[in-house]
Amino acid sequence: MRMYDVIIKKRNKQKLTKEEIEFIISGYTKGIIPDYQMSAFLMTVYFNGMDNEELSFLTESMKNSGEIFDLSMIDKPKVDKHSTGGVGDGVSLSLAAIVASCDVVVPMISGRGLGHTGGTLDKLQAIPNFNVNLTKEEFINQLKKIGVAIISQTKNLVPADKKIYSLRDTTATVDSIPLIAASIMSKKLAEGIDALLLDVKTGNGAFMEKLNDAVKLASTMLNIGKSCGKKIIALITDMNQPLGEYIGNALEVYQAIKILQNEGPKDITELVIYESAKMLLLAGIEKNFLLAKKKILKKISSGEALEKFKQMIEYQKGKTEIIDKPQLLIKTKNCQPILSQKTGYITHINTKQIGICCCILGAGREKVTDTIDYYVGFRIVKKLNDYVEKNEPLLYVYYNDKNKFEKIKQLIISSYKISHKKTKELKLIYKEMI
């Protein structure tokens, strides 16, 4: 078998066999197939796509390129959640603790932020000394003991994805639905989970801005999950404005603690509770949504969910004093408001631009090698359809570098459109797919 012939076959829109796809993934992972041939193959997939069977073969081959976590010795349901990312999307921080407090194991392998979206690992590393780099053995041991761990992808977990993603990033093939789906699902299936909840964001702050594209991606991942015998639900959720009240790594941990203390912002709290309840249904813990939601609310009000979050921090060597003193997470030199230039209702927020501004402040990275300022970020005061007076704060900026603050002031002001009439109300959750 030659890579040249496989490229021609896919270029001509012919279907690839399981053996051909395994040949590609195995050969590239081992370094036998060069970057230039893999780049050509990725571009043929970008333009010609893959059918469900091909995509299932691709995902399985990527998953099997490295070690697979065996969690069968843990006699509890194992459920994870994945979000395609957005601005202020710190849902996983509180959700993982809530679900684990309900006797469900949550093995969560997460990523870092890149571009305008934040990453769960960066948020957790805003907690002093928090260790996201557990070994496979440490990860499994922690799941056995406390039922939850959020870690970075280990060296040997789906190495094909790491290598292919780096190439996609430099060959303009990142935004291919089949390649996105295979990347996400290969990692999730390698975790040893029984079930998965997908949160696919749509709107001007999401990678999938158009609702139809978000639905297509969700449907693609659902098909992969089902073909591998996993229980799976996908939610299409809104990202036309920042989620929650805080954006930034330490600030979103602060917000997560507030959610677990039953004092969180309305929108993100609602989404956390809804998604947590859906995970209990996937786990078979409760028979219907209302009972699942009731259990979630009880775990929050009793303090058990917050205690589970504290346990996870302790097991991963982080400083647990932030639970009792969350204000320790707010420690920038400066905090200044950005004032509205006019009076009226907020009818549009350029969410992606808000995320980019947060990155400029130092909360994110443009390149993987960039360093992060964990404490900078925003507190959102006004959201869509809120009334604002001229010279009233739209948001507060937490910053350490004055020059960076000056760079983003006008960008933030231009991110808001203010009119005399309200705009159409947006749903938090557009669609549920099974």
Protein backbone atom coordinates (compact mmCIF):
# COMPACT_ATOMS: atom_id res chain seq x y z
CA MET A 1 0.00 0.00 0.00
CA ARG A 2 1.29 3.47 -0.92
CA MET A 3 0.30 6.80 0.58
CA TYR A 4 0.39 8.28 -2.93
CA ASP A 5 -2.42 5.96 -4.06
CA VAL A 6 -4.55 6.67 -0.98
CA ILE A 7 -4.25 10.44 -1.57
CA ILE A 8 -5.35 10.01 -5.19
CA LYS A 9 -8.30 7.85 -4.11
CA LYS A 10 -9.56 10.44 -1.61
CA ARG A 11 -8.82 13.29 -4.03
CA ASN A 12 -11.15 11.55 -6.50
CA LYS A 13 -13.90 11.36 -3.83
CA GLN A 14 -13.68 7.60 -3.42
CA LYS A 15 -14.36 5.92 -0.10
CA LEU A 16 -11.38 4.72 1.94
CA THR A 17 -11.29 1.30 3.59
CA LYS A 18 -10.56 0.61 7.25
CA GLU A 19 -7.14 -0.81 6.27
CA GLU A 20 -6.24 2.31 4.27
CA ILE A 21 -7.15 4.64 7.13
CA GLU A 22 -5.24 2.53 9.66
CA PHE A 23 -2.26 2.59 7.27
CA ILE A 24 -2.36 6.42 7.18
CA ILE A 25 -2.67 6.96 10.94
CA SER A 26 -0.16 4.29 11.92
CA GLY A 27 2.36 5.39 9.29
CA TYR A 28 2.14 9.07 10.18
CA THR A 29 2.30 8.46 13.95
CA LYS A 30 5.44 6.34 13.50
CA GLY A 31 7.06 8.93 11.20
CA ILE A 32 6.99 6.71 8.11
CA ILE A 33 4.58 8.98 6.21
CA PRO A 34 6.07 12.50 5.79
CA ASP A 35 4.32 15.77 6.66
CA TYR A 36 3.91 16.80 3.02
CA GLN A 37 1.91 13.68 2.15
CA MET A 38 -0.20 13.91 5.32
CA SER A 39 -0.86 17.59 4.51
CA ALA A 40 -2.12 16.58 1.07
CA PHE A 41 -4.39 13.95 2.62
CA LEU A 42 -5.81 16.40 5.18
CA MET A 43 -6.62 18.84 2.39
CA THR A 44 -8.49 16.14 0.44
CA VAL A 45 -10.58 15.46 3.58
CA TYR A 46 -11.13 19.20 4.04
CA PHE A 47 -12.62 19.51 0.54
CA ASN A 48 -14.23 16.08 0.05
CA GLY A 49 -15.25 15.14 3.60
CA MET A 50 -15.75 11.63 4.96
CA ASP A 51 -18.84 9.48 5.35
CA ASN A 52 -19.88 8.10 8.74
CA GLU A 53 -18.09 4.79 8.29
CA GLU A 54 -14.82 6.39 7.18
CA LEU A 55 -14.98 8.81 10.10
CA SER A 56 -15.61 5.96 12.53
CA PHE A 57 -12.51 4.17 11.17
CA LEU A 58 -10.46 7.39 11.43
CA THR A 59 -11.51 8.03 15.04
CA GLU A 60 -10.83 4.43 16.09
CA SER A 61 -7.41 4.46 14.42
CA MET A 62 -6.47 7.72 16.17
CA LYS A 63 -7.77 6.42 19.51
CA ASN A 64 -5.73 3.23 19.13
CA SER A 65 -2.52 5.11 18.27
CA GLY A 66 -1.53 5.18 21.95
CA GLU A 67 -2.58 3.95 25.37
CA ILE A 68 -6.26 3.63 26.30
CA PHE A 69 -7.35 4.14 29.88
CA ASP A 70 -9.07 1.10 31.36
CA LEU A 71 -11.46 2.24 34.09
CA SER A 72 -13.44 -1.02 34.23
CA MET A 73 -12.19 -1.71 37.76
CA ILE A 74 -14.18 1.32 38.98
CA ASP A 75 -17.70 0.03 39.60
CA LYS A 76 -19.50 3.30 38.97
CA PRO A 77 -20.78 5.00 35.81
CA LYS A 78 -18.07 7.07 34.09
CA VAL A 79 -19.31 10.17 32.26
CA ASP A 80 -17.41 13.10 30.75
CA LYS A 81 -18.42 16.39 29.16
CA HIS A 82 -16.79 18.28 26.30
CA SER A 83 -17.38 21.86 25.18
CA THR A 84 -16.22 23.26 21.85
CA GLY A 85 -15.33 26.43 23.75
CA GLY A 86 -16.24 30.07 23.98
CA VAL A 87 -15.75 33.21 26.05
CA GLY A 88 -16.39 32.80 29.77
CA ASP A 89 -17.19 29.10 29.33
CA GLY A 90 -15.97 27.88 32.72
CA VAL A 91 -18.82 25.35 33.06
CA SER A 92 -16.55 22.31 33.53
CA LEU A 93 -15.00 23.67 36.74
CA SER A 94 -18.17 23.48 38.82
CA LEU A 95 -19.95 20.81 36.77
CA ALA A 96 -17.26 18.15 37.33
CA ALA A 97 -17.47 18.59 41.10
CA ILE A 98 -21.28 18.58 41.14
CA VAL A 99 -21.61 15.40 39.07
CA ALA A 100 -18.87 13.62 41.06
CA SER A 101 -20.69 14.48 44.30
CA CYS A 102 -23.63 12.46 42.92
CA ASP A 103 -21.58 9.25 42.82
CA VAL A 104 -20.69 9.47 39.14
CA VAL A 105 -17.04 9.22 38.09
CA VAL A 106 -15.90 12.18 35.96
CA PRO A 107 -12.61 11.48 34.12
CA MET A 108 -11.95 14.78 32.37
CA ILE A 109 -8.98 15.27 30.05
CA SER A 110 -9.03 18.93 29.05
CA GLY A 111 -7.14 21.40 26.92
CA ARG A 112 -5.55 24.82 27.08
CA GLY A 113 -6.90 28.01 25.60
CA LEU A 114 -5.76 29.07 22.14
CA GLY A 115 -7.00 32.11 20.26
CA HIS A 116 -10.00 33.92 21.74
CA THR A 117 -11.33 31.01 23.86
CA GLY A 118 -10.22 29.99 27.34
CA GLY A 119 -8.98 26.57 28.38
CA THR A 120 -10.00 24.57 31.46
CA LEU A 121 -6.39 23.66 32.29
CA ASP A 122 -5.29 27.31 32.30
CA LYS A 123 -8.14 28.16 34.64
CA LEU A 124 -7.22 25.39 37.06
CA GLN A 125 -3.56 26.42 37.00
CA ALA A 126 -4.64 29.81 38.32
CA ILE A 127 -5.05 27.89 41.59
CA PRO A 128 -1.62 28.04 43.27
CA ASN A 129 0.33 24.75 42.84
CA PHE A 130 -2.53 22.92 41.08
CA ASN A 131 -1.06 19.99 39.13
CA VAL A 132 -2.76 19.11 35.82
CA ASN A 133 0.04 16.76 34.70
CA LEU A 134 -0.93 13.54 36.44
CA THR A 135 0.39 10.21 35.22
CA LYS A 136 -2.05 7.58 34.01
CA GLU A 137 -1.66 5.74 37.34
CA GLU A 138 -2.20 8.92 39.40
CA PHE A 139 -5.25 9.81 37.30
CA ILE A 140 -6.90 6.40 37.76
CA ASN A 141 -6.03 6.28 41.47
CA GLN A 142 -7.63 9.70 42.03
CA LEU A 143 -10.77 8.62 40.18
CA LYS A 144 -11.00 5.55 42.42
CA LYS A 145 -10.68 7.64 45.57
CA ILE A 146 -12.72 10.79 44.91
CA GLY A 147 -14.42 10.18 41.55
CA VAL A 148 -13.11 13.24 39.70
CA ALA A 149 -9.91 14.48 38.08
CA ILE A 150 -9.26 17.14 35.45
CA ILE A 151 -5.91 16.69 33.76
CA SER A 152 -3.87 17.43 30.66
CA GLN A 153 -3.58 14.91 27.85
CA THR A 154 -0.87 12.42 28.83
CA LYS A 155 2.12 11.85 26.54
CA ASN A 156 0.89 8.48 25.26
CA LEU A 157 -2.83 9.25 24.96
CA VAL A 158 -3.85 9.59 21.29
CA PRO A 159 -0.40 10.69 20.01
CA ALA A 160 -1.79 10.66 16.46
CA ASP A 161 -4.12 13.54 17.37
CA LYS A 162 -1.30 15.67 18.79
CA LYS A 163 0.77 15.21 15.65
CA ILE A 164 -2.11 15.68 13.20
CA TYR A 165 -3.47 18.74 15.04
CA SER A 166 -0.11 20.51 14.82
CA LEU A 167 -0.12 19.89 11.07
CA ARG A 168 -3.73 21.04 10.68
CA ASP A 169 -2.83 24.25 12.48
CA THR A 170 -0.24 25.08 9.80
CA THR A 171 -2.13 23.81 6.73
CA ALA A 172 -5.45 25.69 7.07
CA THR A 173 -7.40 22.50 7.81
CA VAL A 174 -8.41 23.22 11.43
CA ASP A 175 -12.04 24.08 10.62
CA SER A 176 -12.91 20.76 8.95
CA ILE A 177 -15.91 19.13 10.64
CA PRO A 178 -14.70 15.52 10.11
CA LEU A 179 -11.22 16.38 11.42
CA ILE A 180 -12.61 18.33 14.42
CA ALA A 181 -14.97 15.47 15.28
CA ALA A 182 -12.26 12.79 15.03
CA SER A 183 -9.88 14.88 17.15
CA ILE A 184 -12.40 15.42 19.94
CA MET A 185 -13.92 11.95 19.96
CA SER A 186 -10.65 9.98 19.73
CA LYS A 187 -9.47 11.59 22.98
CA LYS A 188 -12.80 11.15 24.75
CA LEU A 189 -13.13 7.49 23.74
CA ALA A 190 -9.58 6.80 24.95
CA GLU A 191 -10.56 7.96 28.46
CA GLY A 192 -12.49 4.76 29.18
CA ILE A 193 -15.85 6.51 29.63
CA ASP A 194 -19.33 4.97 29.42
CA ALA A 195 -21.09 8.13 28.27
CA LEU A 196 -20.43 11.66 27.04
CA LEU A 197 -22.22 15.00 27.06
CA LEU A 198 -21.27 17.36 24.23
CA ASP A 199 -21.77 21.12 24.45
CA VAL A 200 -21.41 22.58 20.96
CA LYS A 201 -21.34 26.38 21.06
CA THR A 202 -22.78 28.56 18.31
CA GLY A 203 -22.81 32.33 17.79
CA ASN A 204 -20.33 35.12 17.19
CA GLY A 205 -18.02 33.98 20.01
CA ALA A 206 -17.91 30.31 18.93
CA PHE A 207 -15.81 28.43 16.41
CA MET A 208 -19.06 27.27 14.79
CA GLU A 209 -20.72 30.66 14.35
CA LYS A 210 -23.62 29.37 12.25
CA LEU A 211 -26.25 27.19 13.91
CA ASN A 212 -26.32 24.79 10.95
CA ASP A 213 -22.57 24.17 11.25
CA ALA A 214 -22.88 23.55 15.00
CA VAL A 215 -25.69 21.04 14.38
CA LYS A 216 -23.62 19.32 11.69
CA LEU A 217 -20.61 18.99 14.02
CA ALA A 218 -22.81 17.71 16.86
CA SER A 219 -24.48 15.18 14.56
CA THR A 220 -21.09 13.98 13.32
CA MET A 221 -19.79 13.42 16.86
CA LEU A 222 -23.04 11.71 17.89
CA ASN A 223 -22.67 9.25 15.04
CA ILE A 224 -19.09 8.45 16.08
CA GLY A 225 -20.08 7.94 19.71
CA LYS A 226 -22.99 5.67 18.82
CA SER A 227 -20.87 3.60 16.42
CA CYS A 228 -18.50 2.99 19.36
CA GLY A 229 -21.35 1.91 21.66
CA LYS A 230 -21.33 4.98 23.92
CA LYS A 231 -24.31 6.80 25.39
CA ILE A 232 -24.11 10.35 24.10
CA ILE A 233 -26.12 13.59 24.15
CA ALA A 234 -25.26 16.83 22.34
CA LEU A 235 -26.52 20.28 23.31
CA ILE A 236 -26.27 23.29 21.00
CA THR A 237 -25.79 26.31 23.27
CA ASP A 238 -25.46 30.05 22.80
CA MET A 239 -22.22 32.01 22.48
CA ASN A 240 -23.52 35.33 21.15
CA GLN A 241 -22.43 36.96 24.40
CA PRO A 242 -19.92 36.02 27.12
CA LEU A 243 -21.21 33.29 29.41
CA GLY A 244 -21.46 34.20 33.08
CA GLU A 245 -20.12 37.32 34.77
CA TYR A 246 -16.35 36.73 34.75
CA ILE A 247 -13.83 36.13 31.97
CA GLY A 248 -10.26 35.18 32.80
CA ASN A 249 -8.56 32.23 34.43
CA ALA A 250 -8.53 32.99 38.17
CA LEU A 251 -11.74 35.01 37.82
CA GLU A 252 -13.57 32.01 36.36
CA VAL A 253 -12.36 29.80 39.23
CA TYR A 254 -13.72 32.48 41.58
CA GLN A 255 -17.04 32.30 39.72
CA ALA A 256 -17.06 28.48 39.89
CA ILE A 257 -16.75 28.67 43.67
CA LYS A 258 -19.63 31.16 43.74
CA ILE A 259 -21.75 28.74 41.65
CA LEU A 260 -20.96 25.94 44.10
CA GLN A 261 -21.95 28.27 46.95
CA ASN A 262 -25.29 28.87 45.17
CA GLU A 263 -24.33 32.48 44.48
CA GLY A 264 -23.38 32.26 40.81
CA PRO A 265 -24.59 34.37 37.85
CA LYS A 266 -27.95 33.27 36.46
CA ASP A 267 -27.02 32.14 32.93
CA ILE A 268 -23.93 30.04 33.63
CA THR A 269 -25.51 28.57 36.78
CA GLU A 270 -28.56 27.53 34.76
CA LEU A 271 -26.34 25.86 32.15
CA VAL A 272 -24.21 24.11 34.79
CA ILE A 273 -27.30 22.68 36.50
CA TYR A 274 -28.91 21.61 33.22
CA GLU A 275 -25.78 19.89 31.92
CA SER A 276 -25.07 18.26 35.29
CA ALA A 277 -28.60 16.83 35.34
CA LYS A 278 -28.17 15.50 31.79
CA MET A 279 -24.98 13.75 32.88
CA LEU A 280 -26.86 12.03 35.72
CA LEU A 281 -29.38 10.76 33.17
CA LEU A 282 -26.56 9.47 30.96
CA ALA A 283 -25.13 7.71 34.03
CA GLY A 284 -28.49 6.13 34.84
CA ILE A 285 -28.44 7.68 38.33
CA GLU A 286 -31.93 9.19 37.98
CA LYS A 287 -34.97 8.25 35.90
CA ASN A 288 -36.00 11.69 34.68
CA PHE A 289 -34.68 15.23 34.33
CA LEU A 290 -36.68 16.74 37.21
CA LEU A 291 -35.36 14.18 39.71
CA ALA A 292 -31.83 14.67 38.39
CA LYS A 293 -32.10 18.45 38.71
CA LYS A 294 -33.48 18.10 42.24
CA LYS A 295 -30.46 15.98 43.22
CA ILE A 296 -28.07 18.52 41.67
CA LEU A 297 -29.66 21.41 43.58
CA LYS A 298 -29.46 19.41 46.83
CA LYS A 299 -25.74 18.71 46.34
CA ILE A 300 -25.10 22.41 45.80
CA SER A 301 -27.22 23.66 48.73
CA SER A 302 -25.76 21.06 51.13
CA GLY A 303 -22.19 22.09 50.30
CA GLU A 304 -21.27 18.56 49.11
CA ALA A 305 -20.45 19.76 45.59
CA LEU A 306 -18.16 22.50 46.93
CA GLU A 307 -16.46 19.96 49.19
CA LYS A 308 -15.86 17.72 46.15
CA PHE A 309 -14.19 20.63 44.35
CA LYS A 310 -12.02 21.20 47.41
CA GLN A 311 -11.10 17.49 47.43
CA MET A 312 -10.02 17.64 43.80
CA ILE A 313 -7.85 20.69 44.47
CA GLU A 314 -6.27 18.95 47.46
CA TYR A 315 -5.56 15.72 45.55
CA GLN A 316 -3.99 17.70 42.71
CA LYS A 317 -1.75 19.61 45.15
CA GLY A 318 -3.50 22.98 44.81
CA LYS A 319 -4.03 25.43 47.68
CA THR A 320 -7.47 24.71 49.12
CA GLU A 321 -7.62 28.00 51.05
CA ILE A 322 -9.20 29.59 47.97
CA ILE A 323 -12.42 27.71 48.82
CA ASP A 324 -12.86 29.60 52.08
CA LYS A 325 -11.23 32.77 50.73
CA PRO A 326 -12.09 32.98 47.00
CA GLN A 327 -11.15 36.67 47.06
CA LEU A 328 -7.52 35.47 47.01
CA LEU A 329 -8.08 34.80 43.31
CA ILE A 330 -8.70 38.50 42.62
CA LYS A 331 -5.27 40.10 42.82
CA THR A 332 -4.46 42.37 39.87
CA LYS A 333 -2.86 45.74 40.51
CA ASN A 334 -5.71 47.61 38.83
CA CYS A 335 -9.44 47.38 38.16
CA GLN A 336 -11.05 49.98 35.88
CA PRO A 337 -14.50 50.28 34.26
CA ILE A 338 -15.13 50.68 30.53
CA LEU A 339 -17.97 53.19 30.25
CA SER A 340 -20.81 53.23 27.76
CA GLN A 341 -20.66 56.01 25.17
CA LYS A 342 -24.43 56.29 24.88
CA THR A 343 -27.79 55.47 26.51
CA GLY A 344 -30.02 52.61 25.40
CA TYR A 345 -30.35 48.82 25.21
CA ILE A 346 -27.44 46.54 24.38
CA THR A 347 -28.44 44.80 21.14
CA HIS A 348 -25.15 43.18 20.08
CA ILE A 349 -21.89 42.11 21.71
CA ASN A 350 -18.92 41.11 19.56
CA THR A 351 -18.06 38.17 21.80
CA LYS A 352 -15.04 37.02 19.85
CA GLN A 353 -13.53 40.50 20.09
CA ILE A 354 -14.13 40.52 23.86
CA GLY A 355 -12.25 37.22 24.04
CA ILE A 356 -9.41 38.63 21.94
CA CYS A 357 -9.19 41.66 24.24
CA CYS A 358 -8.87 39.32 27.23
CA CYS A 359 -6.01 37.55 25.44
CA ILE A 360 -4.30 40.90 24.73
CA LEU A 361 -4.47 41.63 28.47
CA GLY A 362 -2.54 38.39 29.03
CA ALA A 363 -5.29 35.90 29.92
CA GLY A 364 -4.78 33.81 26.78
CA ARG A 365 -2.18 32.94 24.22
CA GLU A 366 -1.78 33.34 20.49
CA LYS A 367 0.95 30.69 20.41
CA VAL A 368 1.25 27.57 22.59
CA THR A 369 4.55 28.91 23.97
CA ASP A 370 3.04 32.22 25.22
CA THR A 371 2.95 32.77 28.98
CA ILE A 372 -0.30 33.62 30.75
CA ASP A 373 -1.21 36.19 33.38
CA TYR A 374 -3.68 34.09 35.36
CA TYR A 375 -5.30 37.00 37.19
CA VAL A 376 -6.30 39.45 34.46
CA GLY A 377 -9.74 39.49 32.90
CA PHE A 378 -13.18 41.09 32.88
CA ARG A 379 -16.25 41.32 35.03
CA ILE A 380 -19.22 41.72 32.70
CA VAL A 381 -21.80 44.15 34.08
CA LYS A 382 -24.13 44.61 31.10
CA LYS A 383 -25.38 41.86 28.77
CA LEU A 384 -27.75 41.64 25.81
CA ASN A 385 -30.97 43.66 26.23
CA ASP A 386 -29.74 45.28 29.44
CA TYR A 387 -30.41 49.04 29.68
CA VAL A 388 -27.35 51.21 30.09
CA GLU A 389 -26.94 54.93 30.73
CA LYS A 390 -24.20 56.97 29.10
CA ASN A 391 -21.04 56.79 31.27
CA GLU A 392 -22.35 53.72 33.10
CA PRO A 393 -19.93 50.73 33.23
CA LEU A 394 -20.28 48.02 30.57
CA LEU A 395 -17.63 45.89 32.23
CA TYR A 396 -14.69 46.13 34.62
CA VAL A 397 -11.16 45.31 33.49
CA TYR A 398 -8.74 43.61 35.90
CA TYR A 399 -5.23 44.30 34.61
CA ASN A 400 -1.56 44.57 35.52
CA ASP A 401 -0.12 46.23 32.42
CA LYS A 402 -1.41 49.76 31.69
CA ASN A 403 -0.24 49.68 28.07
CA LYS A 404 -2.27 46.54 27.41
CA PHE A 405 -5.29 48.14 29.08
CA GLU A 406 -4.99 51.20 26.81
CA LYS A 407 -4.79 48.90 23.76
CA ILE A 408 -8.14 47.27 24.44
CA LYS A 409 -10.28 50.18 25.67
CA GLN A 410 -11.57 51.26 22.27
CA LEU A 411 -11.86 47.66 21.07
CA ILE A 412 -14.20 46.87 23.98
CA ILE A 413 -16.33 49.96 23.39
CA SER A 414 -16.65 49.03 19.70
CA SER A 415 -17.75 45.49 20.70
CA TYR A 416 -21.07 46.81 22.02
CA LYS A 417 -23.99 48.06 19.92
CA ILE A 418 -26.55 50.15 21.80
CA SER A 419 -30.01 50.99 20.42
CA HIS A 420 -33.31 52.50 21.57
CA LYS A 421 -35.14 49.16 21.25
CA LYS A 422 -34.34 45.71 22.61
CA THR A 423 -33.23 42.93 20.29
CA LYS A 424 -34.69 39.44 19.99
CA GLU A 425 -34.20 37.36 23.15
CA LEU A 426 -31.70 34.55 22.65
CA LYS A 427 -32.05 31.05 24.02
CA LEU A 428 -29.35 29.64 26.30
CA ILE A 429 -29.89 26.19 24.79
CA TYR A 430 -31.04 25.97 21.18
CA LYS A 431 -31.26 22.25 20.62
CA GLU A 432 -30.76 18.86 22.21
CA MET A 433 -29.64 15.98 20.01
CA ILE A 434 -29.52 12.28 20.82
